[in-house]
Amino acid sequence: GLMSSIFAPTIKERKYPLYISIILYLMILYKVIPQNYINELYFF
């Protein structure tokens, strides 16, 4: 009951996917890209 739509219409709902996205992006930066380091992709 924390989200009603994939578009997260309210301010409260929008915080959850952003928290998740930031954590997942950091995982990519620390775990995925360093194994096949690509400068352009890393800074994207």
PDB file of all heavy atoms in Angstrom:
ATOM      1  N   GLY A   1       0.792  -1.222   0.000  1.00  0.00           N
ATOM      2  CA  GLY A   1       0.000   0.000   0.000  1.00  0.00           C
ATOM      3  C   GLY A   1       0.822   1.268   0.000  1.00  0.00           C
ATOM      4  O   GLY A   1       0.304   2.353   0.273  1.00  0.00           O
ATOM      5  N   LEU A   2       2.123   1.143  -0.333  1.00  0.00           N
ATOM      6  CA  LEU A   2       3.012   2.302  -0.322  1.00  0.00           C
ATOM      7  C   LEU A   2       3.080   3.003  -1.680  1.00  0.00           C
ATOM      8  O   LEU A   2       3.533   4.138  -1.768  1.00  0.00           O
ATOM      9  CB  LEU A   2       4.421   1.878   0.120  1.00  0.00           C
ATOM     10  CG  LEU A   2       4.524   1.318   1.549  1.00  0.00           C
ATOM     11  CD1 LEU A   2       5.930   0.806   1.820  1.00  0.00           C
ATOM     12  CD2 LEU A   2       4.150   2.400   2.568  1.00  0.00           C
ATOM     13  N   MET A   3       2.645   2.292  -2.739  1.00  0.00           N
ATOM     14  CA  MET A   3       2.599   2.886  -4.072  1.00  0.00           C
ATOM     15  C   MET A   3       1.307   2.474  -4.754  1.00  0.00           C
ATOM     16  O   MET A   3       0.865   1.329  -4.621  1.00  0.00           O
ATOM     17  CB  MET A   3       3.802   2.444  -4.920  1.00  0.00           C
ATOM     18  CG  MET A   3       5.112   3.093  -4.520  1.00  0.00           C
ATOM     19  SD  MET A   3       6.456   2.701  -5.678  1.00  0.00           S
ATOM     20  CE  MET A   3       5.924   3.601  -7.150  1.00  0.00           C
ATOM     21  N   SER A   4       0.714   3.401  -5.494  1.00  0.00           N
ATOM     22  CA  SER A   4      -0.549   3.115  -6.176  1.00  0.00           C
ATOM     23  C   SER A   4      -0.370   2.911  -7.673  1.00  0.00           C
ATOM     24  O   SER A   4      -1.195   2.287  -8.330  1.00  0.00           O
ATOM     25  CB  SER A   4      -1.534   4.268  -5.949  1.00  0.00           C
ATOM     26  OG  SER A   4      -0.995   5.493  -6.461  1.00  0.00           O
ATOM     27  N   SER A   5       0.723   3.447  -8.223  1.00  0.00           N
ATOM     28  CA  SER A   5       0.951   3.381  -9.664  1.00  0.00           C
ATOM     29  C   SER A   5       2.445   3.387  -9.944  1.00  0.00           C
ATOM     30  O   SER A   5       3.237   3.902  -9.153  1.00  0.00           O
ATOM     31  CB  SER A   5       0.282   4.572 -10.353  1.00  0.00           C
ATOM     32  OG  SER A   5       0.773   4.751 -11.657  1.00  0.00           O
ATOM     33  N   ILE A   6       2.811   2.833 -11.103  1.00  0.00           N
ATOM     34  CA  ILE A   6       4.222   2.830 -11.497  1.00  0.00           C
ATOM     35  C   ILE A   6       4.731   4.241 -11.769  1.00  0.00           C
ATOM     36  O   ILE A   6       5.927   4.494 -11.801  1.00  0.00           O
ATOM     37  CB  ILE A   6       4.431   1.924 -12.737  1.00  0.00           C
ATOM     38  CG1 ILE A   6       5.914   1.572 -12.894  1.00  0.00           C
ATOM     39  CG2 ILE A   6       3.871   2.581 -14.000  1.00  0.00           C
ATOM     40  CD1 ILE A   6       6.181   0.459 -13.862  1.00  0.00           C
ATOM     41  N   PHE A   7       3.804   5.193 -11.936  1.00  0.00           N
ATOM     42  CA  PHE A   7       4.185   6.593 -12.160  1.00  0.00           C
ATOM     43  C   PHE A   7       4.363   7.377 -10.859  1.00  0.00           C
ATOM     44  O   PHE A   7       4.747   8.540 -10.893  1.00  0.00           O
ATOM     45  CB  PHE A   7       3.139   7.289 -13.036  1.00  0.00           C
ATOM     46  CG  PHE A   7       3.076   6.740 -14.435  1.00  0.00           C
ATOM     47  CD1 PHE A   7       1.918   6.169 -14.915  1.00  0.00           C
ATOM     48  CD2 PHE A   7       4.183   6.781 -15.265  1.00  0.00           C
ATOM     49  CE1 PHE A   7       1.847   5.659 -16.201  1.00  0.00           C
ATOM     50  CE2 PHE A   7       4.132   6.266 -16.552  1.00  0.00           C
ATOM     51  CZ  PHE A   7       2.967   5.698 -17.024  1.00  0.00           C
ATOM     52  N   ALA A   8       4.086   6.727  -9.709  1.00  0.00           N
ATOM     53  CA  ALA A   8       4.268   7.349  -8.389  1.00  0.00           C
ATOM     54  C   ALA A   8       3.753   8.788  -8.370  1.00  0.00           C
ATOM     55  O   ALA A   8       4.538   9.744  -8.335  1.00  0.00           O
ATOM     56  CB  ALA A   8       5.747   7.311  -7.990  1.00  0.00           C
ATOM     57  N   PRO A   9       2.438   8.973  -8.396  1.00  0.00           N
ATOM     58  CA  PRO A   9       1.853  10.317  -8.547  1.00  0.00           C
ATOM     59  C   PRO A   9       2.075  11.284  -7.380  1.00  0.00           C
ATOM     60  O   PRO A   9       2.116  12.490  -7.583  1.00  0.00           O
ATOM     61  CB  PRO A   9       0.361  10.031  -8.724  1.00  0.00           C
ATOM     62  CG  PRO A   9       0.144   8.701  -8.091  1.00  0.00           C
ATOM     63  CD  PRO A   9       1.401   7.933  -8.327  1.00  0.00           C
ATOM     64  N   THR A  10       2.213  10.777  -6.152  1.00  0.00           N
ATOM     65  CA  THR A  10       2.358  11.681  -5.006  1.00  0.00           C
ATOM     66  C   THR A  10       3.819  11.828  -4.595  1.00  0.00           C
ATOM     67  O   THR A  10       4.660  10.990  -4.922  1.00  0.00           O
ATOM     68  CB  THR A  10       1.556  11.156  -3.793  1.00  0.00           C
ATOM     69  OG1 THR A  10       2.170   9.943  -3.315  1.00  0.00           O
ATOM     70  CG2 THR A  10       0.110  10.880  -4.169  1.00  0.00           C
ATOM     71  N   ILE A  11       4.094  12.904  -3.863  1.00  0.00           N
ATOM     72  CA  ILE A  11       5.462  13.171  -3.404  1.00  0.00           C
ATOM     73  C   ILE A  11       5.970  12.038  -2.506  1.00  0.00           C
ATOM     74  O   ILE A  11       7.111  11.585  -2.640  1.00  0.00           O
ATOM     75  CB  ILE A  11       5.520  14.526  -2.670  1.00  0.00           C
ATOM     76  CG1 ILE A  11       5.405  15.670  -3.687  1.00  0.00           C
ATOM     77  CG2 ILE A  11       6.812  14.666  -1.861  1.00  0.00           C
ATOM     78  CD1 ILE A  11       5.381  17.050  -3.096  1.00  0.00           C
ATOM     79  N   LYS A  12       5.117  11.543  -1.615  1.00  0.00           N
ATOM     80  CA  LYS A  12       5.513  10.464  -0.713  1.00  0.00           C
ATOM     81  C   LYS A  12       5.858   9.194  -1.479  1.00  0.00           C
ATOM     82  O   LYS A  12       6.861   8.534  -1.193  1.00  0.00           O
ATOM     83  CB  LYS A  12       4.383  10.187   0.286  1.00  0.00           C
ATOM     84  CG  LYS A  12       4.762   9.167   1.355  1.00  0.00           C
ATOM     85  CD  LYS A  12       3.623   8.964   2.340  1.00  0.00           C
ATOM     86  CE  LYS A  12       4.012   7.925   3.392  1.00  0.00           C
ATOM     87  NZ  LYS A  12       2.910   7.700   4.363  1.00  0.00           N
ATOM     88  N   GLU A  13       5.032   8.866  -2.474  1.00  0.00           N
ATOM     89  CA  GLU A  13       5.267   7.657  -3.277  1.00  0.00           C
ATOM     90  C   GLU A  13       6.563   7.737  -4.075  1.00  0.00           C
ATOM     91  O   GLU A  13       7.244   6.745  -4.283  1.00  0.00           O
ATOM     92  CB  GLU A  13       4.102   7.430  -4.236  1.00  0.00           C
ATOM     93  CG  GLU A  13       2.834   6.941  -3.565  1.00  0.00           C
ATOM     94  CD  GLU A  13       1.722   6.707  -4.570  1.00  0.00           C
ATOM     95  OE1 GLU A  13       1.994   6.093  -5.612  1.00  0.00           O
ATOM     96  OE2 GLU A  13       0.588   7.146  -4.314  1.00  0.00           O
ATOM     97  N   ARG A  14       6.905   8.929  -4.533  1.00  0.00           N
ATOM     98  CA  ARG A  14       8.070   9.098  -5.409  1.00  0.00           C
ATOM     99  C   ARG A  14       9.382   8.868  -4.675  1.00  0.00           C
ATOM    100  O   ARG A  14      10.400   8.561  -5.306  1.00  0.00           O
ATOM    101  CB  ARG A  14       8.063  10.501  -6.019  1.00  0.00           C
ATOM    102  CG  ARG A  14       6.892  10.741  -6.939  1.00  0.00           C
ATOM    103  CD  ARG A  14       6.803  12.185  -7.358  1.00  0.00           C
ATOM    104  NE  ARG A  14       7.721  12.486  -8.436  1.00  0.00           N
ATOM    105  CZ  ARG A  14       7.474  12.238  -9.717  1.00  0.00           C
ATOM    106  NH1 ARG A  14       6.345  11.672 -10.078  1.00  0.00           N
ATOM    107  NH2 ARG A  14       8.339  12.558 -10.645  1.00  0.00           N
ATOM    108  N   LYS A  15       9.381   9.009  -3.379  1.00  0.00           N
ATOM    109  CA  LYS A  15      10.618   8.833  -2.612  1.00  0.00           C
ATOM    110  C   LYS A  15      11.111   7.391  -2.638  1.00  0.00           C
ATOM    111  O   LYS A  15      12.321   7.138  -2.735  1.00  0.00           O
ATOM    112  CB  LYS A  15      10.417   9.297  -1.159  1.00  0.00           C
ATOM    113  CG  LYS A  15      10.242  10.799  -1.018  1.00  0.00           C
ATOM    114  CD  LYS A  15      10.009  11.204   0.427  1.00  0.00           C
ATOM    115  CE  LYS A  15       9.762  12.702   0.545  1.00  0.00           C
ATOM    116  NZ  LYS A  15       9.481  13.118   1.939  1.00  0.00           N
ATOM    117  N   TYR A  16      10.177   6.433  -2.576  1.00  0.00           N
ATOM    118  CA  TYR A  16      10.577   5.023  -2.510  1.00  0.00           C
ATOM    119  C   TYR A  16      11.356   4.570  -3.749  1.00  0.00           C
ATOM    120  O   TYR A  16      12.457   4.013  -3.614  1.00  0.00           O
ATOM    121  CB  TYR A  16       9.352   4.130  -2.285  1.00  0.00           C
ATOM    122  CG  TYR A  16       8.635   4.411  -0.982  1.00  0.00           C
ATOM    123  CD1 TYR A  16       7.344   4.945  -0.973  1.00  0.00           C
ATOM    124  CD2 TYR A  16       9.246   4.155   0.242  1.00  0.00           C
ATOM    125  CE1 TYR A  16       6.682   5.216   0.216  1.00  0.00           C
ATOM    126  CE2 TYR A  16       8.589   4.415   1.442  1.00  0.00           C
ATOM    127  CZ  TYR A  16       7.307   4.944   1.422  1.00  0.00           C
ATOM    128  OH  TYR A  16       6.654   5.205   2.601  1.00  0.00           O
ATOM    129  N   PRO A  17      10.841   4.778  -4.972  1.00  0.00           N
ATOM    130  CA  PRO A  17      11.611   4.350  -6.147  1.00  0.00           C
ATOM    131  C   PRO A  17      12.935   5.097  -6.301  1.00  0.00           C
ATOM    132  O   PRO A  17      13.903   4.542  -6.815  1.00  0.00           O
ATOM    133  CB  PRO A  17      10.676   4.639  -7.328  1.00  0.00           C
ATOM    134  CG  PRO A  17       9.635   5.560  -6.801  1.00  0.00           C
ATOM    135  CD  PRO A  17       9.500   5.270  -5.349  1.00  0.00           C
ATOM    136  N   LEU A  18      12.984   6.351  -5.821  1.00  0.00           N
ATOM    137  CA  LEU A  18      14.245   7.096  -5.900  1.00  0.00           C
ATOM    138  C   LEU A  18      15.285   6.524  -4.960  1.00  0.00           C
ATOM    139  O   LEU A  18      16.455   6.382  -5.329  1.00  0.00           O
ATOM    140  CB  LEU A  18      14.006   8.580  -5.596  1.00  0.00           C
ATOM    141  CG  LEU A  18      13.449   9.415  -6.748  1.00  0.00           C
ATOM    142  CD1 LEU A  18      13.029  10.785  -6.264  1.00  0.00           C
ATOM    143  CD2 LEU A  18      14.473   9.545  -7.870  1.00  0.00           C
ATOM    144  N   TYR A  19      14.874   6.160  -3.737  1.00  0.00           N
ATOM    145  CA  TYR A  19      15.796   5.504  -2.807  1.00  0.00           C
ATOM    146  C   TYR A  19      16.356   4.228  -3.434  1.00  0.00           C
ATOM    147  O   TYR A  19      17.570   3.973  -3.401  1.00  0.00           O
ATOM    148  CB  TYR A  19      15.081   5.131  -1.504  1.00  0.00           C
ATOM    149  CG  TYR A  19      14.768   6.282  -0.575  1.00  0.00           C
ATOM    150  CD1 TYR A  19      13.521   6.381   0.041  1.00  0.00           C
ATOM    151  CD2 TYR A  19      15.709   7.271  -0.311  1.00  0.00           C
ATOM    152  CE1 TYR A  19      13.219   7.432   0.896  1.00  0.00           C
ATOM    153  CE2 TYR A  19      15.420   8.325   0.546  1.00  0.00           C
ATOM    154  CZ  TYR A  19      14.163   8.398   1.147  1.00  0.00           C
ATOM    155  OH  TYR A  19      13.867   9.439   1.996  1.00  0.00           O
ATOM    156  N   ILE A  20      15.458   3.440  -3.993  1.00  0.00           N
ATOM    157  CA  ILE A  20      15.847   2.164  -4.603  1.00  0.00           C
ATOM    158  C   ILE A  20      16.777   2.387  -5.793  1.00  0.00           C
ATOM    159  O   ILE A  20      17.810   1.713  -5.929  1.00  0.00           O
ATOM    160  CB  ILE A  20      14.592   1.370  -5.029  1.00  0.00           C
ATOM    161  CG1 ILE A  20      13.798   0.945  -3.793  1.00  0.00           C
ATOM    162  CG2 ILE A  20      14.980   0.140  -5.855  1.00  0.00           C
ATOM    163  CD1 ILE A  20      12.390   0.458  -4.086  1.00  0.00           C
ATOM    164  N   SER A  21      16.435   3.353  -6.646  1.00  0.00           N
ATOM    165  CA  SER A  21      17.252   3.645  -7.834  1.00  0.00           C
ATOM    166  C   SER A  21      18.659   4.072  -7.458  1.00  0.00           C
ATOM    167  O   SER A  21      19.634   3.610  -8.049  1.00  0.00           O
ATOM    168  CB  SER A  21      16.587   4.734  -8.676  1.00  0.00           C
ATOM    169  OG  SER A  21      15.371   4.286  -9.215  1.00  0.00           O
ATOM    170  N   ILE A  22      18.768   4.959  -6.486  1.00  0.00           N
ATOM    171  CA  ILE A  22      20.083   5.451  -6.059  1.00  0.00           C
ATOM    172  C   ILE A  22      20.941   4.308  -5.542  1.00  0.00           C
ATOM    173  O   ILE A  22      22.127   4.193  -5.889  1.00  0.00           O
ATOM    174  CB  ILE A  22      19.934   6.561  -4.992  1.00  0.00           C
ATOM    175  CG1 ILE A  22      19.316   7.815  -5.634  1.00  0.00           C
ATOM    176  CG2 ILE A  22      21.273   6.897  -4.361  1.00  0.00           C
ATOM    177  CD1 ILE A  22      18.815   8.840  -4.645  1.00  0.00           C
ATOM    178  N   ILE A  23      20.363   3.438  -4.736  1.00  0.00           N
ATOM    179  CA  ILE A  23      21.098   2.283  -4.204  1.00  0.00           C
ATOM    180  C   ILE A  23      21.550   1.362  -5.333  1.00  0.00           C
ATOM    181  O   ILE A  23      22.701   0.904  -5.370  1.00  0.00           O
ATOM    182  CB  ILE A  23      20.235   1.503  -3.184  1.00  0.00           C
ATOM    183  CG1 ILE A  23      20.020   2.338  -1.924  1.00  0.00           C
ATOM    184  CG2 ILE A  23      20.888   0.164  -2.822  1.00  0.00           C
ATOM    185  CD1 ILE A  23      18.960   1.790  -0.986  1.00  0.00           C
ATOM    186  N   LEU A  24      20.664   1.104  -6.290  1.00  0.00           N
ATOM    187  CA  LEU A  24      20.995   0.223  -7.418  1.00  0.00           C
ATOM    188  C   LEU A  24      22.053   0.845  -8.327  1.00  0.00           C
ATOM    189  O   LEU A  24      22.948   0.145  -8.816  1.00  0.00           O
ATOM    190  CB  LEU A  24      19.732  -0.112  -8.209  1.00  0.00           C
ATOM    191  CG  LEU A  24      18.698  -0.974  -7.471  1.00  0.00           C
ATOM    192  CD1 LEU A  24      17.421  -1.109  -8.296  1.00  0.00           C
ATOM    193  CD2 LEU A  24      19.267  -2.354  -7.145  1.00  0.00           C
ATOM    194  N   TYR A  25      21.982   2.163  -8.552  1.00  0.00           N
ATOM    195  CA  TYR A  25      23.008   2.841  -9.355  1.00  0.00           C
ATOM    196  C   TYR A  25      24.372   2.735  -8.678  1.00  0.00           C
ATOM    197  O   TYR A  25      25.394   2.522  -9.347  1.00  0.00           O
ATOM    198  CB  TYR A  25      22.660   4.325  -9.541  1.00  0.00           C
ATOM    199  CG  TYR A  25      21.446   4.595 -10.400  1.00  0.00           C
ATOM    200  CD1 TYR A  25      20.772   5.817 -10.312  1.00  0.00           C
ATOM    201  CD2 TYR A  25      20.952   3.655 -11.290  1.00  0.00           C
ATOM    202  CE1 TYR A  25      19.648   6.082 -11.093  1.00  0.00           C
ATOM    203  CE2 TYR A  25      19.832   3.911 -12.063  1.00  0.00           C
ATOM    204  CZ  TYR A  25      19.189   5.122 -11.952  1.00  0.00           C
ATOM    205  OH  TYR A  25      18.079   5.387 -12.715  1.00  0.00           O
ATOM    206  N   LEU A  26      24.389   2.883  -7.368  1.00  0.00           N
ATOM    207  CA  LEU A  26      25.655   2.768  -6.628  1.00  0.00           C
ATOM    208  C   LEU A  26      26.209   1.352  -6.704  1.00  0.00           C
ATOM    209  O   LEU A  26      27.428   1.159  -6.791  1.00  0.00           O
ATOM    210  CB  LEU A  26      25.451   3.183  -5.162  1.00  0.00           C
ATOM    211  CG  LEU A  26      25.186   4.681  -4.931  1.00  0.00           C
ATOM    212  CD1 LEU A  26      24.829   4.949  -3.469  1.00  0.00           C
ATOM    213  CD2 LEU A  26      26.398   5.523  -5.330  1.00  0.00           C
ATOM    214  N   MET A  27      25.324   0.363  -6.681  1.00  0.00           N
ATOM    215  CA  MET A  27      25.756  -1.029  -6.836  1.00  0.00           C
ATOM    216  C   MET A  27      26.401  -1.238  -8.201  1.00  0.00           C
ATOM    217  O   MET A  27      27.423  -1.937  -8.314  1.00  0.00           O
ATOM    218  CB  MET A  27      24.562  -1.973  -6.675  1.00  0.00           C
ATOM    219  CG  MET A  27      24.106  -2.153  -5.247  1.00  0.00           C
ATOM    220  SD  MET A  27      22.679  -3.261  -5.130  1.00  0.00           S
ATOM    221  CE  MET A  27      23.406  -4.794  -5.705  1.00  0.00           C
ATOM    222  N   ILE A  28      25.816  -0.621  -9.229  1.00  0.00           N
ATOM    223  CA  ILE A  28      26.380  -0.723 -10.575  1.00  0.00           C
ATOM    224  C   ILE A  28      27.763  -0.078 -10.628  1.00  0.00           C
ATOM    225  O   ILE A  28      28.699  -0.633 -11.209  1.00  0.00           O
ATOM    226  CB  ILE A  28      25.432  -0.059 -11.600  1.00  0.00           C
ATOM    227  CG1 ILE A  28      24.162  -0.913 -11.759  1.00  0.00           C
ATOM    228  CG2 ILE A  28      26.118   0.120 -12.958  1.00  0.00           C
ATOM    229  CD1 ILE A  28      23.047  -0.231 -12.509  1.00  0.00           C
ATOM    230  N   LEU A  29      27.887   1.083  -9.997  1.00  0.00           N
ATOM    231  CA  LEU A  29      29.166   1.798  -9.992  1.00  0.00           C
ATOM    232  C   LEU A  29      30.265   1.045  -9.252  1.00  0.00           C
ATOM    233  O   LEU A  29      31.433   1.076  -9.655  1.00  0.00           O
ATOM    234  CB  LEU A  29      28.980   3.190  -9.364  1.00  0.00           C
ATOM    235  CG  LEU A  29      28.228   4.222 -10.209  1.00  0.00           C
ATOM    236  CD1 LEU A  29      27.908   5.461  -9.399  1.00  0.00           C
ATOM    237  CD2 LEU A  29      29.040   4.598 -11.447  1.00  0.00           C
ATOM    238  N   TYR A  30      29.893   0.358  -8.178  1.00  0.00           N
ATOM    239  CA  TYR A  30      30.899  -0.323  -7.355  1.00  0.00           C
ATOM    240  C   TYR A  30      31.109  -1.786  -7.712  1.00  0.00           C
ATOM    241  O   TYR A  30      32.188  -2.341  -7.467  1.00  0.00           O
ATOM    242  CB  TYR A  30      30.518  -0.211  -5.876  1.00  0.00           C
ATOM    243  CG  TYR A  30      30.778   1.158  -5.305  1.00  0.00           C
ATOM    244  CD1 TYR A  30      29.734   2.065  -5.096  1.00  0.00           C
ATOM    245  CD2 TYR A  30      32.075   1.574  -4.996  1.00  0.00           C
ATOM    246  CE1 TYR A  30      29.978   3.335  -4.591  1.00  0.00           C
ATOM    247  CE2 TYR A  30      32.323   2.843  -4.493  1.00  0.00           C
ATOM    248  CZ  TYR A  30      31.277   3.719  -4.290  1.00  0.00           C
ATOM    249  OH  TYR A  30      31.508   4.983  -3.801  1.00  0.00           O
ATOM    250  N   LYS A  31      30.085  -2.428  -8.308  1.00  0.00           N
ATOM    251  CA  LYS A  31      30.188  -3.864  -8.533  1.00  0.00           C
ATOM    252  C   LYS A  31      30.190  -4.290  -9.994  1.00  0.00           C
ATOM    253  O   LYS A  31      30.821  -5.262 -10.367  1.00  0.00           O
ATOM    254  CB  LYS A  31      29.031  -4.580  -7.812  1.00  0.00           C
ATOM    255  CG  LYS A  31      29.081  -4.467  -6.292  1.00  0.00           C
ATOM    256  CD  LYS A  31      30.301  -5.184  -5.726  1.00  0.00           C
ATOM    257  CE  LYS A  31      30.323  -5.122  -4.203  1.00  0.00           C
ATOM    258  NZ  LYS A  31      31.541  -5.787  -3.649  1.00  0.00           N
ATOM    259  N   VAL A  32      29.449  -3.573 -10.835  1.00  0.00           N
ATOM    260  CA  VAL A  32      29.296  -4.006 -12.234  1.00  0.00           C
ATOM    261  C   VAL A  32      30.347  -3.385 -13.149  1.00  0.00           C
ATOM    262  O   VAL A  32      31.138  -4.098 -13.773  1.00  0.00           O
ATOM    263  CB  VAL A  32      27.882  -3.682 -12.763  1.00  0.00           C
ATOM    264  CG1 VAL A  32      27.762  -4.095 -14.233  1.00  0.00           C
ATOM    265  CG2 VAL A  32      26.827  -4.395 -11.923  1.00  0.00           C
ATOM    266  N   ILE A  33      30.368  -2.065 -13.236  1.00  0.00           N
ATOM    267  CA  ILE A  33      31.258  -1.393 -14.186  1.00  0.00           C
ATOM    268  C   ILE A  33      32.744  -1.585 -13.866  1.00  0.00           C
ATOM    269  O   ILE A  33      33.536  -1.788 -14.795  1.00  0.00           O
ATOM    270  CB  ILE A  33      30.901   0.112 -14.291  1.00  0.00           C
ATOM    271  CG1 ILE A  33      29.478   0.258 -14.854  1.00  0.00           C
ATOM    272  CG2 ILE A  33      31.888   0.851 -15.193  1.00  0.00           C
ATOM    273  CD1 ILE A  33      28.956   1.664 -14.928  1.00  0.00           C
ATOM    274  N   PRO A  34      33.177  -1.565 -12.601  1.00  0.00           N
ATOM    275  CA  PRO A  34      34.606  -1.765 -12.321  1.00  0.00           C
ATOM    276  C   PRO A  34      35.182  -3.074 -12.859  1.00  0.00           C
ATOM    277  O   PRO A  34      36.383  -3.164 -13.127  1.00  0.00           O
ATOM    278  CB  PRO A  34      34.670  -1.740 -10.785  1.00  0.00           C
ATOM    279  CG  PRO A  34      33.534  -0.864 -10.404  1.00  0.00           C
ATOM    280  CD  PRO A  34      32.444  -1.218 -11.378  1.00  0.00           C
ATOM    281  N   GLN A  35      34.352  -4.098 -13.024  1.00  0.00           N
ATOM    282  CA  GLN A  35      34.839  -5.376 -13.551  1.00  0.00           C
ATOM    283  C   GLN A  35      35.206  -5.264 -15.027  1.00  0.00           C
ATOM    284  O   GLN A  35      36.080  -5.966 -15.515  1.00  0.00           O
ATOM    285  CB  GLN A  35      33.770  -6.454 -13.357  1.00  0.00           C
ATOM    286  CG  GLN A  35      33.516  -6.771 -11.880  1.00  0.00           C
ATOM    287  CD  GLN A  35      32.410  -7.806 -11.701  1.00  0.00           C
ATOM    288  OE1 GLN A  35      31.916  -8.374 -12.667  1.00  0.00           O
ATOM    289  NE2 GLN A  35      32.027  -8.032 -10.461  1.00  0.00           N
ATOM    290  N   ASN A  36      34.526  -4.403 -15.759  1.00  0.00           N
ATOM    291  CA  ASN A  36      34.813  -4.144 -17.172  1.00  0.00           C
ATOM    292  C   ASN A  36      34.867  -2.632 -17.347  1.00  0.00           C
ATOM    293  O   ASN A  36      34.053  -2.059 -18.055  1.00  0.00           O
ATOM    294  CB  ASN A  36      33.719  -4.733 -18.063  1.00  0.00           C
ATOM    295  CG  ASN A  36      33.564  -6.220 -17.892  1.00  0.00           C
ATOM    296  OD1 ASN A  36      34.421  -6.983 -18.298  1.00  0.00           O
ATOM    297  ND2 ASN A  36      32.474  -6.647 -17.272  1.00  0.00           N
ATOM    298  N   TYR A  37      35.810  -1.992 -16.682  1.00  0.00           N
ATOM    299  CA  TYR A  37      35.770  -0.541 -16.521  1.00  0.00           C
ATOM    300  C   TYR A  37      35.659   0.206 -17.846  1.00  0.00           C
ATOM    301  O   TYR A  37      36.485   0.047 -18.741  1.00  0.00           O
ATOM    302  CB  TYR A  37      36.995  -0.046 -15.758  1.00  0.00           C
ATOM    303  CG  TYR A  37      36.852   1.405 -15.350  1.00  0.00           C
ATOM    304  CD1 TYR A  37      36.013   1.749 -14.298  1.00  0.00           C
ATOM    305  CD2 TYR A  37      37.505   2.419 -16.034  1.00  0.00           C
ATOM    306  CE1 TYR A  37      35.843   3.073 -13.925  1.00  0.00           C
ATOM    307  CE2 TYR A  37      37.345   3.744 -15.665  1.00  0.00           C
ATOM    308  CZ  TYR A  37      36.511   4.058 -14.606  1.00  0.00           C
ATOM    309  OH  TYR A  37      36.341   5.361 -14.254  1.00  0.00           O
ATOM    310  N   ILE A  38      34.619   0.995 -17.954  1.00  0.00           N
ATOM    311  CA  ILE A  38      34.376   1.830 -19.130  1.00  0.00           C
ATOM    312  C   ILE A  38      34.131   3.244 -18.625  1.00  0.00           C
ATOM    313  O   ILE A  38      33.111   3.521 -17.990  1.00  0.00           O
ATOM    314  CB  ILE A  38      33.161   1.332 -19.942  1.00  0.00           C
ATOM    315  CG1 ILE A  38      33.413  -0.094 -20.449  1.00  0.00           C
ATOM    316  CG2 ILE A  38      32.887   2.274 -21.111  1.00  0.00           C
ATOM    317  CD1 ILE A  38      32.201  -0.746 -21.072  1.00  0.00           C
ATOM    318  N   ASN A  39      35.060   4.116 -18.878  1.00  0.00           N
ATOM    319  CA  ASN A  39      35.034   5.471 -18.345  1.00  0.00           C
ATOM    320  C   ASN A  39      33.744   6.212 -18.691  1.00  0.00           C
ATOM    321  O   ASN A  39      33.105   6.813 -17.827  1.00  0.00           O
ATOM    322  CB  ASN A  39      36.249   6.236 -18.892  1.00  0.00           C
ATOM    323  CG  ASN A  39      36.655   7.382 -17.980  1.00  0.00           C
ATOM    324  OD1 ASN A  39      36.535   7.299 -16.765  1.00  0.00           O
ATOM    325  ND2 ASN A  39      37.149   8.449 -18.575  1.00  0.00           N
ATOM    326  N   GLU A  40      33.356   6.149 -19.958  1.00  0.00           N
ATOM    327  CA  GLU A  40      32.174   6.880 -20.424  1.00  0.00           C
ATOM    328  C   GLU A  40      30.899   6.397 -19.723  1.00  0.00           C
ATOM    329  O   GLU A  40      30.050   7.193 -19.344  1.00  0.00           O
ATOM    330  CB  GLU A  40      32.012   6.717 -21.942  1.00  0.00           C
ATOM    331  CG  GLU A  40      33.160   7.282 -22.754  1.00  0.00           C
ATOM    332  CD  GLU A  40      34.288   6.278 -22.980  1.00  0.00           C
ATOM    333  OE1 GLU A  40      34.283   5.223 -22.319  1.00  0.00           O
ATOM    334  OE2 GLU A  40      35.160   6.557 -23.824  1.00  0.00           O
ATOM    335  N   LEU A  41      30.803   5.093 -19.561  1.00  0.00           N
ATOM    336  CA  LEU A  41      29.619   4.502 -18.942  1.00  0.00           C
ATOM    337  C   LEU A  41      29.598   4.760 -17.435  1.00  0.00           C
ATOM    338  O   LEU A  41      28.541   4.996 -16.847  1.00  0.00           O
ATOM    339  CB  LEU A  41      29.588   2.998 -19.220  1.00  0.00           C
ATOM    340  CG  LEU A  41      28.239   2.277 -19.150  1.00  0.00           C
ATOM    341  CD1 LEU A  41      27.202   2.969 -20.014  1.00  0.00           C
ATOM    342  CD2 LEU A  41      28.411   0.823 -19.558  1.00  0.00           C
ATOM    343  N   TYR A  42      30.768   4.718 -16.845  1.00  0.00           N
ATOM    344  CA  TYR A  42      30.887   4.953 -15.405  1.00  0.00           C
ATOM    345  C   TYR A  42      30.338   6.327 -15.034  1.00  0.00           C
ATOM    346  O   TYR A  42      29.524   6.454 -14.106  1.00  0.00           O
ATOM    347  CB  TYR A  42      32.350   4.841 -14.978  1.00  0.00           C
ATOM    348  CG  TYR A  42      32.579   5.020 -13.495  1.00  0.00           C
ATOM    349  CD1 TYR A  42      32.487   3.943 -12.622  1.00  0.00           C
ATOM    350  CD2 TYR A  42      32.900   6.266 -12.958  1.00  0.00           C
ATOM    351  CE1 TYR A  42      32.693   4.098 -11.256  1.00  0.00           C
ATOM    352  CE2 TYR A  42      33.108   6.436 -11.604  1.00  0.00           C
ATOM    353  CZ  TYR A  42      33.010   5.346 -10.758  1.00  0.00           C
ATOM    354  OH  TYR A  42      33.207   5.520  -9.406  1.00  0.00           O
ATOM    355  N   PHE A  43      30.754   7.350 -15.767  1.00  0.00           N
ATOM    356  CA  PHE A  43      30.330   8.708 -15.427  1.00  0.00           C
ATOM    357  C   PHE A  43      28.894   9.009 -15.865  1.00  0.00           C
ATOM    358  O   PHE A  43      28.281   9.939 -15.347  1.00  0.00           O
ATOM    359  CB  PHE A  43      31.321   9.733 -15.987  1.00  0.00           C
ATOM    360  CG  PHE A  43      32.598   9.780 -15.192  1.00  0.00           C
ATOM    361  CD1 PHE A  43      33.762   9.225 -15.692  1.00  0.00           C
ATOM    362  CD2 PHE A  43      32.615  10.333 -13.917  1.00  0.00           C
ATOM    363  CE1 PHE A  43      34.934   9.238 -14.942  1.00  0.00           C
ATOM    364  CE2 PHE A  43      33.781  10.348 -13.161  1.00  0.00           C
ATOM    365  CZ  PHE A  43      34.936   9.801 -13.677  1.00  0.00           C
ATOM    366  N   PHE A  44      28.367   8.209 -16.797  1.00  0.00           N
ATOM    367  CA  PHE A  44      26.940   8.312 -17.116  1.00  0.00           C
ATOM    368  C   PHE A  44      26.123   7.963 -15.872  1.00  0.00           C
ATOM    369  O   PHE A  44      25.165   8.666 -15.522  1.00  0.00           O
ATOM    370  CB  PHE A  44      26.587   7.368 -18.271  1.00  0.00           C
ATOM    371  CG  PHE A  44      25.105   7.244 -18.534  1.00  0.00           C
ATOM    372  CD1 PHE A  44      24.348   8.350 -18.909  1.00  0.00           C
ATOM    373  CD2 PHE A  44      24.465   6.015 -18.403  1.00  0.00           C
ATOM    374  CE1 PHE A  44      22.980   8.232 -19.160  1.00  0.00           C
ATOM    375  CE2 PHE A  44      23.103   5.890 -18.648  1.00  0.00           C
ATOM    376  CZ  PHE A  44      22.364   7.000 -19.026  1.00  0.00           C
TER     377      PHE A  44
END
